[in-house]
Amino acid sequence: MQADPRLKRRLINRLDDAIEVAQKRVEWNFKTAVPAFYPTKNTMSLLLPLDLTDNERPDVALVVELVESGAYIGQTILTMEMAYNNARLISRPDSDWLNTTLGVEV
């Protein structure tokens, strides 16, 4: 990627677009942001769907945490299976994007 600045810029733009769409989805339906608990850090986070390759189905989940300023900061990206397992620590995810019909084993 370092050798190809155009590729790097395209990837950054695609990620920015996916984050913007995820934010809009949360504005349309607050249940899009799925709560997740991380026992090792004793923190709550929210999982947001990122559609990187297909606008109909999320590829990964962005983990965001609330910081003191009141903003949400992206911490990491999880596979769909990891996101589902982390969300299940609280309760069964009630979401249109994070479910077992997307090929995630329960």
PDB file of N, CA and C in Angstrom:
ATOM      1  N   MET A   1       0.811  -1.182   0.000  1.00  0.00           N
ATOM      2  CA  MET A   1       0.000   0.000   0.000  1.00  0.00           C
ATOM      3  C   MET A   1       0.866   1.262   0.000  1.00  0.00           C
ATOM      4  N   GLN A   2       1.977   1.226   0.678  1.00  0.00           N
ATOM      5  CA  GLN A   2       2.849   2.406   0.721  1.00  0.00           C
ATOM      6  C   GLN A   2       3.373   2.754  -0.666  1.00  0.00           C
ATOM      7  N   ALA A   3       3.572   1.737  -1.510  1.00  0.00           N
ATOM      8  CA  ALA A   3       4.110   1.968  -2.846  1.00  0.00           C
ATOM      9  C   ALA A   3       3.049   2.496  -3.810  1.00  0.00           C
ATOM     10  N   ASP A   4       1.774   2.370  -3.450  1.00  0.00           N
ATOM     11  CA  ASP A   4       0.691   2.795  -4.332  1.00  0.00           C
ATOM     12  C   ASP A   4      -0.217   3.788  -3.606  1.00  0.00           C
ATOM     13  N   PRO A   5       0.107   5.071  -3.679  1.00  0.00           N
ATOM     14  CA  PRO A   5      -0.681   6.072  -2.958  1.00  0.00           C
ATOM     15  C   PRO A   5      -2.133   6.157  -3.437  1.00  0.00           C
ATOM     16  N   ARG A   6      -2.390   5.848  -4.710  1.00  0.00           N
ATOM     17  CA  ARG A   6      -3.768   5.884  -5.207  1.00  0.00           C
ATOM     18  C   ARG A   6      -4.604   4.798  -4.546  1.00  0.00           C
ATOM     19  N   LEU A   7      -4.036   3.617  -4.383  1.00  0.00           N
ATOM     20  CA  LEU A   7      -4.741   2.524  -3.717  1.00  0.00           C
ATOM     21  C   LEU A   7      -5.015   2.887  -2.257  1.00  0.00           C
ATOM     22  N   LYS A   8      -4.023   3.451  -1.611  1.00  0.00           N
ATOM     23  CA  LYS A   8      -4.186   3.868  -0.211  1.00  0.00           C
ATOM     24  C   LYS A   8      -5.320   4.889  -0.089  1.00  0.00           C
ATOM     25  N   ARG A   9      -5.368   5.867  -0.977  1.00  0.00           N
ATOM     26  CA  ARG A   9      -6.407   6.891  -0.945  1.00  0.00           C
ATOM     27  C   ARG A   9      -7.790   6.273  -1.194  1.00  0.00           C
ATOM     28  N   ARG A  10      -7.880   5.311  -2.124  1.00  0.00           N
ATOM     29  CA  ARG A  10      -9.158   4.641  -2.403  1.00  0.00           C
ATOM     30  C   ARG A  10      -9.645   3.875  -1.184  1.00  0.00           C
ATOM     31  N   LEU A  11      -8.735   3.188  -0.502  1.00  0.00           N
ATOM     32  CA  LEU A  11      -9.113   2.433   0.693  1.00  0.00           C
ATOM     33  C   LEU A  11      -9.580   3.360   1.811  1.00  0.00           C
ATOM     34  N   ILE A  12      -8.877   4.456   1.992  1.00  0.00           N
ATOM     35  CA  ILE A  12      -9.263   5.426   3.020  1.00  0.00           C
ATOM     36  C   ILE A  12     -10.635   6.007   2.707  1.00  0.00           C
ATOM     37  N   ASN A  13     -10.869   6.346   1.438  1.00  0.00           N
ATOM     38  CA  ASN A  13     -12.172   6.900   1.044  1.00  0.00           C
ATOM     39  C   ASN A  13     -13.293   5.896   1.254  1.00  0.00           C
ATOM     40  N   ARG A  14     -13.036   4.624   0.924  1.00  0.00           N
ATOM     41  CA  ARG A  14     -14.069   3.597   1.094  1.00  0.00           C
ATOM     42  C   ARG A  14     -14.393   3.422   2.574  1.00  0.00           C
ATOM     43  N   LEU A  15     -13.383   3.428   3.421  1.00  0.00           N
ATOM     44  CA  LEU A  15     -13.606   3.304   4.860  1.00  0.00           C
ATOM     45  C   LEU A  15     -14.378   4.511   5.386  1.00  0.00           C
ATOM     46  N   ASP A  16     -14.007   5.706   4.956  1.00  0.00           N
ATOM     47  CA  ASP A  16     -14.728   6.911   5.370  1.00  0.00           C
ATOM     48  C   ASP A  16     -16.196   6.845   4.946  1.00  0.00           C
ATOM     49  N   ASP A  17     -16.442   6.387   3.713  1.00  0.00           N
ATOM     50  CA  ASP A  17     -17.820   6.261   3.221  1.00  0.00           C
ATOM     51  C   ASP A  17     -18.604   5.253   4.050  1.00  0.00           C
ATOM     52  N   ALA A  18     -17.993   4.118   4.380  1.00  0.00           N
ATOM     53  CA  ALA A  18     -18.666   3.083   5.165  1.00  0.00           C
ATOM     54  C   ALA A  18     -19.003   3.595   6.563  1.00  0.00           C
ATOM     55  N   ILE A  19     -18.120   4.369   7.157  1.00  0.00           N
ATOM     56  CA  ILE A  19     -18.382   4.929   8.484  1.00  0.00           C
ATOM     57  C   ILE A  19     -19.524   5.937   8.410  1.00  0.00           C
ATOM     58  N   GLU A  20     -19.537   6.749   7.371  1.00  0.00           N
ATOM     59  CA  GLU A  20     -20.620   7.733   7.202  1.00  0.00           C
ATOM     60  C   GLU A  20     -21.978   7.045   7.046  1.00  0.00           C
ATOM     61  N   VAL A  21     -22.024   5.978   6.270  1.00  0.00           N
ATOM     62  CA  VAL A  21     -23.269   5.229   6.096  1.00  0.00           C
ATOM     63  C   VAL A  21     -23.695   4.602   7.425  1.00  0.00           C
ATOM     64  N   ALA A  22     -22.744   4.072   8.199  1.00  0.00           N
ATOM     65  CA  ALA A  22     -23.070   3.487   9.503  1.00  0.00           C
ATOM     66  C   ALA A  22     -23.650   4.536  10.440  1.00  0.00           C
ATOM     67  N   GLN A  23     -23.082   5.720  10.441  1.00  0.00           N
ATOM     68  CA  GLN A  23     -23.612   6.803  11.276  1.00  0.00           C
ATOM     69  C   GLN A  23     -25.042   7.161  10.871  1.00  0.00           C
ATOM     70  N   LYS A  24     -25.302   7.220   9.570  1.00  0.00           N
ATOM     71  CA  LYS A  24     -26.654   7.524   9.101  1.00  0.00           C
ATOM     72  C   LYS A  24     -27.630   6.422   9.478  1.00  0.00           C
ATOM     73  N   ARG A  25     -27.182   5.172   9.409  1.00  0.00           N
ATOM     74  CA  ARG A  25     -28.050   4.060   9.799  1.00  0.00           C
ATOM     75  C   ARG A  25     -28.438   4.174  11.268  1.00  0.00           C
ATOM     76  N   VAL A  26     -27.508   4.593  12.112  1.00  0.00           N
ATOM     77  CA  VAL A  26     -27.809   4.761  13.541  1.00  0.00           C
ATOM     78  C   VAL A  26     -28.796   5.900  13.735  1.00  0.00           C
ATOM     79  N   GLU A  27     -28.674   6.965  12.953  1.00  0.00           N
ATOM     80  CA  GLU A  27     -29.632   8.064  13.039  1.00  0.00           C
ATOM     81  C   GLU A  27     -31.030   7.609  12.634  1.00  0.00           C
ATOM     82  N   TRP A  28     -31.120   6.744  11.630  1.00  0.00           N
ATOM     83  CA  TRP A  28     -32.419   6.244  11.171  1.00  0.00           C
ATOM     84  C   TRP A  28     -33.029   5.265  12.161  1.00  0.00           C
ATOM     85  N   ASN A  29     -32.175   4.428  12.764  1.00  0.00           N
ATOM     86  CA  ASN A  29     -32.652   3.404  13.691  1.00  0.00           C
ATOM     87  C   ASN A  29     -31.583   3.171  14.755  1.00  0.00           C
ATOM     88  N   PHE A  30     -31.859   3.597  15.982  1.00  0.00           N
ATOM     89  CA  PHE A  30     -30.870   3.501  17.050  1.00  0.00           C
ATOM     90  C   PHE A  30     -30.461   2.060  17.349  1.00  0.00           C
ATOM     91  N   LYS A  31     -31.307   1.075  16.993  1.00  0.00           N
ATOM     92  CA  LYS A  31     -30.963  -0.325  17.247  1.00  0.00           C
ATOM     93  C   LYS A  31     -29.842  -0.830  16.344  1.00  0.00           C
ATOM     94  N   THR A  32     -29.460  -0.028  15.374  1.00  0.00           N
ATOM     95  CA  THR A  32     -28.325  -0.393  14.521  1.00  0.00           C
ATOM     96  C   THR A  32     -27.052  -0.460  15.350  1.00  0.00           C
ATOM     97  N   ALA A  33     -26.926   0.416  16.341  1.00  0.00           N
ATOM     98  CA  ALA A  33     -25.763   0.400  17.237  1.00  0.00           C
ATOM     99  C   ALA A  33     -26.005  -0.663  18.308  1.00  0.00           C
ATOM    100  N   VAL A  34     -25.268  -1.760  18.194  1.00  0.00           N
ATOM    101  CA  VAL A  34     -25.468  -2.899  19.082  1.00  0.00           C
ATOM    102  C   VAL A  34     -24.479  -2.809  20.252  1.00  0.00           C
ATOM    103  N   PRO A  35     -24.977  -2.846  21.502  1.00  0.00           N
ATOM    104  CA  PRO A  35     -24.066  -2.786  22.647  1.00  0.00           C
ATOM    105  C   PRO A  35     -23.257  -4.061  22.791  1.00  0.00           C
ATOM    106  N   ALA A  36     -22.026  -3.889  23.238  1.00  0.00           N
ATOM    107  CA  ALA A  36     -21.141  -5.028  23.496  1.00  0.00           C
ATOM    108  C   ALA A  36     -20.342  -4.723  24.758  1.00  0.00           C
ATOM    109  N   PHE A  37     -20.041  -5.760  25.504  1.00  0.00           N
ATOM    110  CA  PHE A  37     -19.291  -5.613  26.752  1.00  0.00           C
ATOM    111  C   PHE A  37     -17.944  -6.303  26.613  1.00  0.00           C
ATOM    112  N   TYR A  38     -16.899  -5.647  27.098  1.00  0.00           N
ATOM    113  CA  TYR A  38     -15.553  -6.214  27.076  1.00  0.00           C
ATOM    114  C   TYR A  38     -15.076  -6.403  28.507  1.00  0.00           C
ATOM    115  N   PRO A  39     -15.177  -7.647  29.026  1.00  0.00           N
ATOM    116  CA  PRO A  39     -14.841  -7.890  30.433  1.00  0.00           C
ATOM    117  C   PRO A  39     -13.389  -7.593  30.789  1.00  0.00           C
ATOM    118  N   THR A  40     -12.469  -7.786  29.849  1.00  0.00           N
ATOM    119  CA  THR A  40     -11.065  -7.530  30.166  1.00  0.00           C
ATOM    120  C   THR A  40     -10.798  -6.058  30.440  1.00  0.00           C
ATOM    121  N   LYS A  41     -11.541  -5.168  29.783  1.00  0.00           N
ATOM    122  CA  LYS A  41     -11.409  -3.730  30.010  1.00  0.00           C
ATOM    123  C   LYS A  41     -12.517  -3.182  30.894  1.00  0.00           C
ATOM    124  N   ASN A  42     -13.537  -4.023  31.184  1.00  0.00           N
ATOM    125  CA  ASN A  42     -14.699  -3.617  31.957  1.00  0.00           C
ATOM    126  C   ASN A  42     -15.365  -2.378  31.350  1.00  0.00           C
ATOM    127  N   THR A  43     -15.541  -2.427  30.015  1.00  0.00           N
ATOM    128  CA  THR A  43     -16.134  -1.294  29.311  1.00  0.00           C
ATOM    129  C   THR A  43     -17.264  -1.748  28.394  1.00  0.00           C
ATOM    130  N   MET A  44     -18.155  -0.807  28.133  1.00  0.00           N
ATOM    131  CA  MET A  44     -19.217  -1.008  27.158  1.00  0.00           C
ATOM    132  C   MET A  44     -18.813  -0.285  25.881  1.00  0.00           C
ATOM    133  N   SER A  45     -19.151  -0.889  24.773  1.00  0.00           N
ATOM    134  CA  SER A  45     -18.894  -0.294  23.469  1.00  0.00           C
ATOM    135  C   SER A  45     -20.134  -0.471  22.614  1.00  0.00           C
ATOM    136  N   LEU A  46     -20.110   0.147  21.463  1.00  0.00           N
ATOM    137  CA  LEU A  46     -21.165  -0.044  20.481  1.00  0.00           C
ATOM    138  C   LEU A  46     -20.552  -0.620  19.214  1.00  0.00           C
ATOM    139  N   LEU A  47     -21.282  -1.538  18.590  1.00  0.00           N
ATOM    140  CA  LEU A  47     -20.853  -2.139  17.334  1.00  0.00           C
ATOM    141  C   LEU A  47     -21.658  -1.516  16.206  1.00  0.00           C
ATOM    142  N   LEU A  48     -20.958  -1.046  15.177  1.00  0.00           N
ATOM    143  CA  LEU A  48     -21.607  -0.445  14.017  1.00  0.00           C
ATOM    144  C   LEU A  48     -21.250  -1.252  12.771  1.00  0.00           C
ATOM    145  N   PRO A  49     -22.216  -1.477  11.887  1.00  0.00           N
ATOM    146  CA  PRO A  49     -21.939  -2.255  10.679  1.00  0.00           C
ATOM    147  C   PRO A  49     -21.163  -1.438   9.647  1.00  0.00           C
ATOM    148  N   LEU A  50     -20.129  -2.053   9.069  1.00  0.00           N
ATOM    149  CA  LEU A  50     -19.392  -1.403   7.987  1.00  0.00           C
ATOM    150  C   LEU A  50     -19.550  -2.221   6.716  1.00  0.00           C
ATOM    151  N   ASP A  51     -20.118  -1.584   5.701  1.00  0.00           N
ATOM    152  CA  ASP A  51     -20.286  -2.213   4.389  1.00  0.00           C
ATOM    153  C   ASP A  51     -19.116  -1.763   3.509  1.00  0.00           C
ATOM    154  N   LEU A  52     -18.099  -2.595   3.429  1.00  0.00           N
ATOM    155  CA  LEU A  52     -16.909  -2.219   2.664  1.00  0.00           C
ATOM    156  C   LEU A  52     -16.954  -2.689   1.219  1.00  0.00           C
ATOM    157  N   THR A  53     -17.551  -3.857   0.966  1.00  0.00           N
ATOM    158  CA  THR A  53     -17.557  -4.391  -0.394  1.00  0.00           C
ATOM    159  C   THR A  53     -18.947  -4.449  -1.000  1.00  0.00           C
ATOM    160  N   ASP A  54     -19.974  -4.546  -0.175  1.00  0.00           N
ATOM    161  CA  ASP A  54     -21.342  -4.711  -0.659  1.00  0.00           C
ATOM    162  C   ASP A  54     -22.246  -3.834   0.192  1.00  0.00           C
ATOM    163  N   ASN A  55     -22.988  -2.941  -0.442  1.00  0.00           N
ATOM    164  CA  ASN A  55     -23.841  -2.034   0.313  1.00  0.00           C
ATOM    165  C   ASN A  55     -25.084  -2.690   0.888  1.00  0.00           C
ATOM    166  N   GLU A  56     -25.293  -3.955   0.615  1.00  0.00           N
ATOM    167  CA  GLU A  56     -26.465  -4.661   1.125  1.00  0.00           C
ATOM    168  C   GLU A  56     -26.173  -5.454   2.390  1.00  0.00           C
ATOM    169  N   ARG A  57     -24.899  -5.717   2.657  1.00  0.00           N
ATOM    170  CA  ARG A  57     -24.546  -6.603   3.769  1.00  0.00           C
ATOM    171  C   ARG A  57     -23.221  -6.152   4.388  1.00  0.00           C
ATOM    172  N   PRO A  58     -23.199  -5.964   5.705  1.00  0.00           N
ATOM    173  CA  PRO A  58     -21.949  -5.525   6.339  1.00  0.00           C
ATOM    174  C   PRO A  58     -20.880  -6.610   6.278  1.00  0.00           C
ATOM    175  N   ASP A  59     -19.651  -6.173   6.139  1.00  0.00           N
ATOM    176  CA  ASP A  59     -18.506  -7.086   6.090  1.00  0.00           C
ATOM    177  C   ASP A  59     -17.866  -7.256   7.463  1.00  0.00           C
ATOM    178  N   VAL A  60     -17.827  -6.175   8.212  1.00  0.00           N
ATOM    179  CA  VAL A  60     -17.192  -6.151   9.527  1.00  0.00           C
ATOM    180  C   VAL A  60     -17.968  -5.203  10.434  1.00  0.00           C
ATOM    181  N   ALA A  61     -17.604  -5.191  11.709  1.00  0.00           N
ATOM    182  CA  ALA A  61     -18.230  -4.275  12.673  1.00  0.00           C
ATOM    183  C   ALA A  61     -17.159  -3.347  13.248  1.00  0.00           C
ATOM    184  N   LEU A  62     -17.469  -2.082  13.280  1.00  0.00           N
ATOM    185  CA  LEU A  62     -16.598  -1.090  13.895  1.00  0.00           C
ATOM    186  C   LEU A  62     -16.977  -0.972  15.366  1.00  0.00           C
ATOM    187  N   VAL A  63     -15.992  -1.089  16.241  1.00  0.00           N
ATOM    188  CA  VAL A  63     -16.215  -0.954  17.684  1.00  0.00           C
ATOM    189  C   VAL A  63     -15.922   0.493  18.066  1.00  0.00           C
ATOM    190  N   VAL A  64     -16.930   1.168  18.632  1.00  0.00           N
ATOM    191  CA  VAL A  64     -16.745   2.548  19.070  1.00  0.00           C
ATOM    192  C   VAL A  64     -16.998   2.646  20.568  1.00  0.00           C
ATOM    193  N   GLU A  65     -16.223   3.511  21.211  1.00  0.00           N
ATOM    194  CA  GLU A  65     -16.366   3.736  22.651  1.00  0.00           C
ATOM    195  C   GLU A  65     -16.596   5.215  22.911  1.00  0.00           C
ATOM    196  N   LEU A  66     -17.422   5.487  23.910  1.00  0.00           N
ATOM    197  CA  LEU A  66     -17.693   6.854  24.333  1.00  0.00           C
ATOM    198  C   LEU A  66     -16.515   7.359  25.163  1.00  0.00           C
ATOM    199  N   VAL A  67     -16.006   8.546  24.814  1.00  0.00           N
ATOM    200  CA  VAL A  67     -14.903   9.145  25.568  1.00  0.00           C
ATOM    201  C   VAL A  67     -15.429  10.319  26.390  1.00  0.00           C
ATOM    202  N   GLU A  68     -14.593  10.837  27.265  1.00  0.00           N
ATOM    203  CA  GLU A  68     -15.008  11.888  28.204  1.00  0.00           C
ATOM    204  C   GLU A  68     -15.604  13.114  27.514  1.00  0.00           C
ATOM    205  N   SER A  69     -15.143  13.422  26.322  1.00  0.00           N
ATOM    206  CA  SER A  69     -15.640  14.607  25.617  1.00  0.00           C
ATOM    207  C   SER A  69     -17.071  14.423  25.112  1.00  0.00           C
ATOM    208  N   GLY A  70     -17.568  13.179  25.143  1.00  0.00           N
ATOM    209  CA  GLY A  70     -18.906  12.897  24.647  1.00  0.00           C
ATOM    210  C   GLY A  70     -18.920  12.365  23.224  1.00  0.00           C
ATOM    211  N   ALA A  71     -17.753  12.289  22.621  1.00  0.00           N
ATOM    212  CA  ALA A  71     -17.636  11.763  21.256  1.00  0.00           C
ATOM    213  C   ALA A  71     -17.421  10.250  21.306  1.00  0.00           C
ATOM    214  N   TYR A  72     -17.718   9.599  20.204  1.00  0.00           N
ATOM    215  CA  TYR A  72     -17.432   8.179  20.064  1.00  0.00           C
ATOM    216  C   TYR A  72     -16.194   8.013  19.193  1.00  0.00           C
ATOM    217  N   ILE A  73     -15.269   7.208  19.664  1.00  0.00           N
ATOM    218  CA  ILE A  73     -14.013   6.978  18.958  1.00  0.00           C
ATOM    219  C   ILE A  73     -13.940   5.515  18.541  1.00  0.00           C
ATOM    220  N   GLY A  74     -13.584   5.276  17.273  1.00  0.00           N
ATOM    221  CA  GLY A  74     -13.397   3.916  16.795  1.00  0.00           C
ATOM    222  C   GLY A  74     -12.188   3.276  17.458  1.00  0.00           C
ATOM    223  N   GLN A  75     -12.364   2.064  17.981  1.00  0.00           N
ATOM    224  CA  GLN A  75     -11.282   1.381  18.671  1.00  0.00           C
ATOM    225  C   GLN A  75     -10.665   0.257  17.839  1.00  0.00           C
ATOM    226  N   THR A  76     -11.507  -0.515  17.170  1.00  0.00           N
ATOM    227  CA  THR A  76     -11.021  -1.639  16.373  1.00  0.00           C
ATOM    228  C   THR A  76     -12.124  -2.088  15.427  1.00  0.00           C
ATOM    229  N   ILE A  77     -11.806  -3.029  14.598  1.00  0.00           N
ATOM    230  CA  ILE A  77     -12.774  -3.627  13.685  1.00  0.00           C
ATOM    231  C   ILE A  77     -12.818  -5.120  13.976  1.00  0.00           C
ATOM    232  N   LEU A  78     -14.038  -5.666  14.045  1.00  0.00           N
ATOM    233  CA  LEU A  78     -14.230  -7.089  14.324  1.00  0.00           C
ATOM    234  C   LEU A  78     -14.872  -7.790  13.134  1.00  0.00           C
ATOM    235  N   THR A  79     -14.573  -9.079  13.000  1.00  0.00           N
ATOM    236  CA  THR A  79     -15.304  -9.881  12.026  1.00  0.00           C
ATOM    237  C   THR A  79     -16.742  -9.986  12.510  1.00  0.00           C
ATOM    238  N   MET A  80     -17.629 -10.398  11.645  1.00  0.00           N
ATOM    239  CA  MET A  80     -19.035 -10.517  12.026  1.00  0.00           C
ATOM    240  C   MET A  80     -19.211 -11.551  13.141  1.00  0.00           C
ATOM    241  N   GLU A  81     -18.487 -12.647  13.071  1.00  0.00           N
ATOM    242  CA  GLU A  81     -18.603 -13.670  14.111  1.00  0.00           C
ATOM    243  C   GLU A  81     -18.124 -13.130  15.461  1.00  0.00           C
ATOM    244  N   MET A  82     -17.007 -12.416  15.456  1.00  0.00           N
ATOM    245  CA  MET A  82     -16.505 -11.831  16.702  1.00  0.00           C
ATOM    246  C   MET A  82     -17.503 -10.819  17.263  1.00  0.00           C
ATOM    247  N   ALA A  83     -18.088  -9.999  16.389  1.00  0.00           N
ATOM    248  CA  ALA A  83     -19.058  -8.998  16.826  1.00  0.00           C
ATOM    249  C   ALA A  83     -20.277  -9.664  17.450  1.00  0.00           C
ATOM    250  N   TYR A  84     -20.774 -10.701  16.809  1.00  0.00           N
ATOM    251  CA  TYR A  84     -21.951 -11.404  17.333  1.00  0.00           C
ATOM    252  C   TYR A  84     -21.642 -12.008  18.703  1.00  0.00           C
ATOM    253  N   ASN A  85     -20.492 -12.631  18.833  1.00  0.00           N
ATOM    254  CA  ASN A  85     -20.122 -13.235  20.113  1.00  0.00           C
ATOM    255  C   ASN A  85     -19.956 -12.191  21.209  1.00  0.00           C
ATOM    256  N   ASN A  86     -19.381 -11.045  20.903  1.00  0.00           N
ATOM    257  CA  ASN A  86     -19.225  -9.985  21.901  1.00  0.00           C
ATOM    258  C   ASN A  86     -20.566  -9.384  22.292  1.00  0.00           C
ATOM    259  N   ALA A  87     -21.465  -9.245  21.338  1.00  0.00           N
ATOM    260  CA  ALA A  87     -22.787  -8.684  21.634  1.00  0.00           C
ATOM    261  C   ALA A  87     -23.611  -9.649  22.483  1.00  0.00           C
ATOM    262  N   ARG A  88     -23.409 -10.945  22.304  1.00  0.00           N
ATOM    263  CA  ARG A  88     -24.177 -11.938  23.064  1.00  0.00           C
ATOM    264  C   ARG A  88     -23.834 -11.921  24.553  1.00  0.00           C
ATOM    265  N   LEU A  89     -22.726 -11.327  24.944  1.00  0.00           N
ATOM    266  CA  LEU A  89     -22.375 -11.263  26.366  1.00  0.00           C
ATOM    267  C   LEU A  89     -23.404 -10.452  27.146  1.00  0.00           C
ATOM    268  N   ILE A  90     -24.126  -9.573  26.487  1.00  0.00           N
ATOM    269  CA  ILE A  90     -25.145  -8.748  27.139  1.00  0.00           C
ATOM    270  C   ILE A  90     -26.513  -9.398  26.980  1.00  0.00           C
ATOM    271  N   SER A  91     -26.915  -9.634  25.758  1.00  0.00           N
ATOM    272  CA  SER A  91     -28.202 -10.259  25.449  1.00  0.00           C
ATOM    273  C   SER A  91     -28.193 -10.644  23.979  1.00  0.00           C
ATOM    274  N   ARG A  92     -29.234 -11.323  23.570  1.00  0.00           N
ATOM    275  CA  ARG A  92     -29.335 -11.672  22.156  1.00  0.00           C
ATOM    276  C   ARG A  92     -29.456 -10.375  21.354  1.00  0.00           C
ATOM    277  N   PRO A  93     -28.578 -10.170  20.378  1.00  0.00           N
ATOM    278  CA  PRO A  93     -28.621  -8.925  19.611  1.00  0.00           C
ATOM    279  C   PRO A  93     -29.945  -8.748  18.878  1.00  0.00           C
ATOM    280  N   ASP A  94     -30.582  -7.602  19.088  1.00  0.00           N
ATOM    281  CA  ASP A  94     -31.836  -7.255  18.420  1.00  0.00           C
ATOM    282  C   ASP A  94     -31.489  -6.263  17.320  1.00  0.00           C
ATOM    283  N   SER A  95     -31.042  -6.780  16.195  1.00  0.00           N
ATOM    284  CA  SER A  95     -30.544  -5.927  15.142  1.00  0.00           C
ATOM    285  C   SER A  95     -30.870  -6.528  13.785  1.00  0.00           C
ATOM    286  N   ASP A  96     -30.998  -5.668  12.786  1.00  0.00           N
ATOM    287  CA  ASP A  96     -31.258  -6.160  11.437  1.00  0.00           C
ATOM    288  C   ASP A  96     -29.988  -6.573  10.708  1.00  0.00           C
ATOM    289  N   TRP A  97     -28.819  -6.267  11.249  1.00  0.00           N
ATOM    290  CA  TRP A  97     -27.585  -6.597  10.550  1.00  0.00           C
ATOM    291  C   TRP A  97     -26.723  -7.626  11.276  1.00  0.00           C
ATOM    292  N   LEU A  98     -26.869  -7.764  12.574  1.00  0.00           N
ATOM    293  CA  LEU A  98     -26.020  -8.680  13.341  1.00  0.00           C
ATOM    294  C   LEU A  98     -26.886  -9.856  13.790  1.00  0.00           C
ATOM    295  N   ASN A  99     -26.949 -10.868  12.941  1.00  0.00           N
ATOM    296  CA  ASN A  99     -27.784 -12.016  13.256  1.00  0.00           C
ATOM    297  C   ASN A  99     -27.177 -13.294  12.702  1.00  0.00           C
ATOM    298  N   THR A 100     -27.751 -14.394  13.064  1.00  0.00           N
ATOM    299  CA  THR A 100     -27.203 -15.696  12.681  1.00  0.00           C
ATOM    300  C   THR A 100     -27.492 -16.053  11.237  1.00  0.00           C
ATOM    301  N   THR A 101     -28.384 -15.357  10.576  1.00  0.00           N
ATOM    302  CA  THR A 101     -28.684 -15.688   9.187  1.00  0.00           C
ATOM    303  C   THR A 101     -27.620 -15.175   8.230  1.00  0.00           C
ATOM    304  N   LEU A 102     -26.649 -14.436   8.726  1.00  0.00           N
ATOM    305  CA  LEU A 102     -25.565 -13.938   7.877  1.00  0.00           C
ATOM    306  C   LEU A 102     -24.384 -14.887   7.840  1.00  0.00           C
ATOM    307  N   GLY A 103     -24.600 -16.124   8.231  1.00  0.00           N
ATOM    308  CA  GLY A 103     -23.525 -17.096   8.167  1.00  0.00           C
ATOM    309  C   GLY A 103     -22.717 -17.185   9.435  1.00  0.00           C
ATOM    310  N   VAL A 104     -23.173 -16.587  10.505  1.00  0.00           N
ATOM    311  CA  VAL A 104     -22.467 -16.628  11.781  1.00  0.00           C
ATOM    312  C   VAL A 104     -22.978 -17.817  12.564  1.00  0.00           C
ATOM    313  N   GLU A 105     -22.082 -18.632  13.027  1.00  0.00           N
ATOM    314  CA  GLU A 105     -22.468 -19.803  13.829  1.00  0.00           C
ATOM    315  C   GLU A 105     -22.806 -19.377  15.244  1.00  0.00           C
ATOM    316  N   VAL A 106     -23.860 -19.953  15.787  1.00  0.00           N
ATOM    317  CA  VAL A 106     -24.263 -19.639  17.169  1.00  0.00           C
ATOM    318  C   VAL A 106     -23.674 -20.666  18.102  1.00  0.00           C
TER     319      VAL A 106
END
